[in-house]
Amino acid sequence: MSASSDPSSDAVAPSQAVIEAIAAHEGVDVTDVEPPAYEPLYTVVNPEALDRLFQPAAGSTTARVVLEYEGYEITVFSDGRVDVSDRSVADGSIEFSLED
């Protein structure tokens, strides 16, 4: 099963969008996605770096970051979408790609 979070007119920081997508996927309130029930996001990615990576920039470069968090494969896209998939990244790695 997978879920997707689409960007809204009110921009949400990618790190917050990940938390909101996990909450939506699990059917819990976003305030429930916190320790001790959930690992802090910073255990798998630096939230500030993730947010800076997707700051608006000149040009039409698109990017995506794929990481594993709480047993899910999380894909963060430069257009603000966040996909959550039950399928885990096999090696627990973080993947990053840029496209022109």
C-alpha atoms as a PDB file:
ATOM      1  CA  MET A   1       0.000   0.000   0.000  1.00  0.00           C
ATOM      2  CA  SER A   2       1.254   3.486  -0.694  1.00  0.00           C
ATOM      3  CA  ALA A   3       0.126   6.995   0.036  1.00  0.00           C
ATOM      4  CA  SER A   4       0.996  10.346  -1.434  1.00  0.00           C
ATOM      5  CA  SER A   5       0.943  13.868  -0.117  1.00  0.00           C
ATOM      6  CA  ASP A   6       0.473  16.610  -2.680  1.00  0.00           C
ATOM      7  CA  PRO A   7       1.740  20.129  -2.188  1.00  0.00           C
ATOM      8  CA  SER A   8      -0.805  22.719  -1.128  1.00  0.00           C
ATOM      9  CA  SER A   9      -0.933  26.424  -1.763  1.00  0.00           C
ATOM     10  CA  ASP A  10       0.626  26.899   1.687  1.00  0.00           C
ATOM     11  CA  ALA A  11       4.152  25.538   1.305  1.00  0.00           C
ATOM     12  CA  VAL A  12       5.094  22.983   3.952  1.00  0.00           C
ATOM     13  CA  ALA A  13       8.732  22.242   4.686  1.00  0.00           C
ATOM     14  CA  PRO A  14       9.727  18.852   3.246  1.00  0.00           C
ATOM     15  CA  SER A  15      10.694  17.541   6.685  1.00  0.00           C
ATOM     16  CA  GLN A  16       7.218  18.396   7.997  1.00  0.00           C
ATOM     17  CA  ALA A  17       5.629  16.951   4.845  1.00  0.00           C
ATOM     18  CA  VAL A  18       7.333  13.610   5.591  1.00  0.00           C
ATOM     19  CA  ILE A  19       5.823  13.552   9.087  1.00  0.00           C
ATOM     20  CA  GLU A  20       2.389  14.524   7.726  1.00  0.00           C
ATOM     21  CA  ALA A  21       2.576  11.818   5.040  1.00  0.00           C
ATOM     22  CA  ILE A  22       3.479   9.148   7.625  1.00  0.00           C
ATOM     23  CA  ALA A  23       0.566  10.276   9.816  1.00  0.00           C
ATOM     24  CA  ALA A  24      -1.857  10.165   6.875  1.00  0.00           C
ATOM     25  CA  HIS A  25      -0.570   6.748   5.791  1.00  0.00           C
ATOM     26  CA  GLU A  26      -1.030   5.312   9.277  1.00  0.00           C
ATOM     27  CA  GLY A  27      -4.299   7.099   9.958  1.00  0.00           C
ATOM     28  CA  VAL A  28      -3.044   8.936  13.022  1.00  0.00           C
ATOM     29  CA  ASP A  29      -2.902  12.590  13.979  1.00  0.00           C
ATOM     30  CA  VAL A  30       0.301  14.315  12.919  1.00  0.00           C
ATOM     31  CA  THR A  31       1.022  15.142  16.568  1.00  0.00           C
ATOM     32  CA  ASP A  32       1.199  11.400  17.287  1.00  0.00           C
ATOM     33  CA  VAL A  33       4.243  10.976  15.029  1.00  0.00           C
ATOM     34  CA  GLU A  34       6.784  11.655  17.753  1.00  0.00           C
ATOM     35  CA  PRO A  35       8.936   9.731  20.226  1.00  0.00           C
ATOM     36  CA  PRO A  36       8.625   7.271  21.805  1.00  0.00           C
ATOM     37  CA  ALA A  37       6.157   5.763  19.311  1.00  0.00           C
ATOM     38  CA  TYR A  38       8.223   6.963  16.330  1.00  0.00           C
ATOM     39  CA  GLU A  39      11.924   7.535  15.870  1.00  0.00           C
ATOM     40  CA  PRO A  40      12.873  11.179  15.353  1.00  0.00           C
ATOM     41  CA  LEU A  41      13.234  12.011  11.649  1.00  0.00           C
ATOM     42  CA  TYR A  42      16.793  13.181  12.286  1.00  0.00           C
ATOM     43  CA  THR A  43      17.845   9.561  12.897  1.00  0.00           C
ATOM     44  CA  VAL A  44      17.642   8.964   9.118  1.00  0.00           C
ATOM     45  CA  VAL A  45      18.107  12.405   7.553  1.00  0.00           C
ATOM     46  CA  ASN A  46      19.072  15.898   8.638  1.00  0.00           C
ATOM     47  CA  PRO A  47      15.679  17.698   8.483  1.00  0.00           C
ATOM     48  CA  GLU A  48      17.278  21.131   7.986  1.00  0.00           C
ATOM     49  CA  ALA A  49      19.404  19.846   5.103  1.00  0.00           C
ATOM     50  CA  LEU A  50      16.339  18.218   3.515  1.00  0.00           C
ATOM     51  CA  ASP A  51      14.445  21.510   3.770  1.00  0.00           C
ATOM     52  CA  ARG A  52      17.366  23.496   2.299  1.00  0.00           C
ATOM     53  CA  LEU A  53      17.758  21.013  -0.544  1.00  0.00           C
ATOM     54  CA  PHE A  54      14.223  21.738  -1.726  1.00  0.00           C
ATOM     55  CA  GLN A  55      14.237  25.513  -1.320  1.00  0.00           C
ATOM     56  CA  PRO A  56      13.004  27.261  -4.467  1.00  0.00           C
ATOM     57  CA  ALA A  57      15.837  27.998  -6.878  1.00  0.00           C
ATOM     58  CA  ALA A  58      16.195  29.441 -10.333  1.00  0.00           C
ATOM     59  CA  GLY A  59      16.002  26.979 -13.187  1.00  0.00           C
ATOM     60  CA  SER A  60      13.881  23.952 -13.850  1.00  0.00           C
ATOM     61  CA  THR A  61      15.916  21.278 -12.089  1.00  0.00           C
ATOM     62  CA  THR A  62      13.829  18.587 -10.464  1.00  0.00           C
ATOM     63  CA  ALA A  63      15.082  16.452  -7.614  1.00  0.00           C
ATOM     64  CA  ARG A  64      13.943  13.618  -5.423  1.00  0.00           C
ATOM     65  CA  VAL A  65      15.235  12.030  -2.255  1.00  0.00           C
ATOM     66  CA  VAL A  66      14.359   8.462  -1.308  1.00  0.00           C
ATOM     67  CA  LEU A  67      14.947   7.293   2.243  1.00  0.00           C
ATOM     68  CA  GLU A  68      13.741   4.683   4.691  1.00  0.00           C
ATOM     69  CA  TYR A  69      11.881   5.860   7.777  1.00  0.00           C
ATOM     70  CA  GLU A  70       9.825   3.786  10.198  1.00  0.00           C
ATOM     71  CA  GLY A  71       9.888   0.810   7.800  1.00  0.00           C
ATOM     72  CA  TYR A  72       8.529   2.821   4.860  1.00  0.00           C
ATOM     73  CA  GLU A  73      10.154   3.994   1.684  1.00  0.00           C
ATOM     74  CA  ILE A  74       9.700   7.766   1.609  1.00  0.00           C
ATOM     75  CA  THR A  75      10.183   9.707  -1.636  1.00  0.00           C
ATOM     76  CA  VAL A  76      10.344  13.491  -1.393  1.00  0.00           C
ATOM     77  CA  PHE A  77       9.993  15.343  -4.703  1.00  0.00           C
ATOM     78  CA  SER A  78      11.083  18.893  -5.512  1.00  0.00           C
ATOM     79  CA  ASP A  79       7.485  19.808  -6.401  1.00  0.00           C
ATOM     80  CA  GLY A  80       6.481  19.183  -2.767  1.00  0.00           C
ATOM     81  CA  ARG A  81       4.970  15.704  -3.137  1.00  0.00           C
ATOM     82  CA  VAL A  82       5.845  13.032  -0.613  1.00  0.00           C
ATOM     83  CA  ASP A  83       5.124   9.372  -1.399  1.00  0.00           C
ATOM     84  CA  VAL A  84       5.006   6.725   1.322  1.00  0.00           C
ATOM     85  CA  SER A  85       5.315   3.077   0.370  1.00  0.00           C
ATOM     86  CA  ASP A  86       5.218  -0.025   2.559  1.00  0.00           C
ATOM     87  CA  ARG A  87       8.097  -1.376   0.514  1.00  0.00           C
ATOM     88  CA  SER A  88      11.363  -0.701   2.379  1.00  0.00           C
ATOM     89  CA  VAL A  89      14.629   0.321   0.775  1.00  0.00           C
ATOM     90  CA  ALA A  90      16.620  -2.912   0.884  1.00  0.00           C
ATOM     91  CA  ASP A  91      19.851  -1.506   2.300  1.00  0.00           C
ATOM     92  CA  GLY A  92      18.468   1.399   4.344  1.00  0.00           C
ATOM     93  CA  SER A  93      20.285   3.884   2.133  1.00  0.00           C
ATOM     94  CA  ILE A  94      19.341   7.369   1.068  1.00  0.00           C
ATOM     95  CA  GLU A  95      19.059   8.005  -2.656  1.00  0.00           C
ATOM     96  CA  PHE A  96      19.238  11.421  -4.275  1.00  0.00           C
ATOM     97  CA  SER A  97      18.828  12.354  -7.928  1.00  0.00           C
ATOM     98  CA  LEU A  98      18.719  15.542  -9.977  1.00  0.00           C
ATOM     99  CA  GLU A  99      17.203  15.924 -13.411  1.00  0.00           C
ATOM    100  CA  ASP A 100      17.335  18.898 -15.753  1.00  0.00           C
END
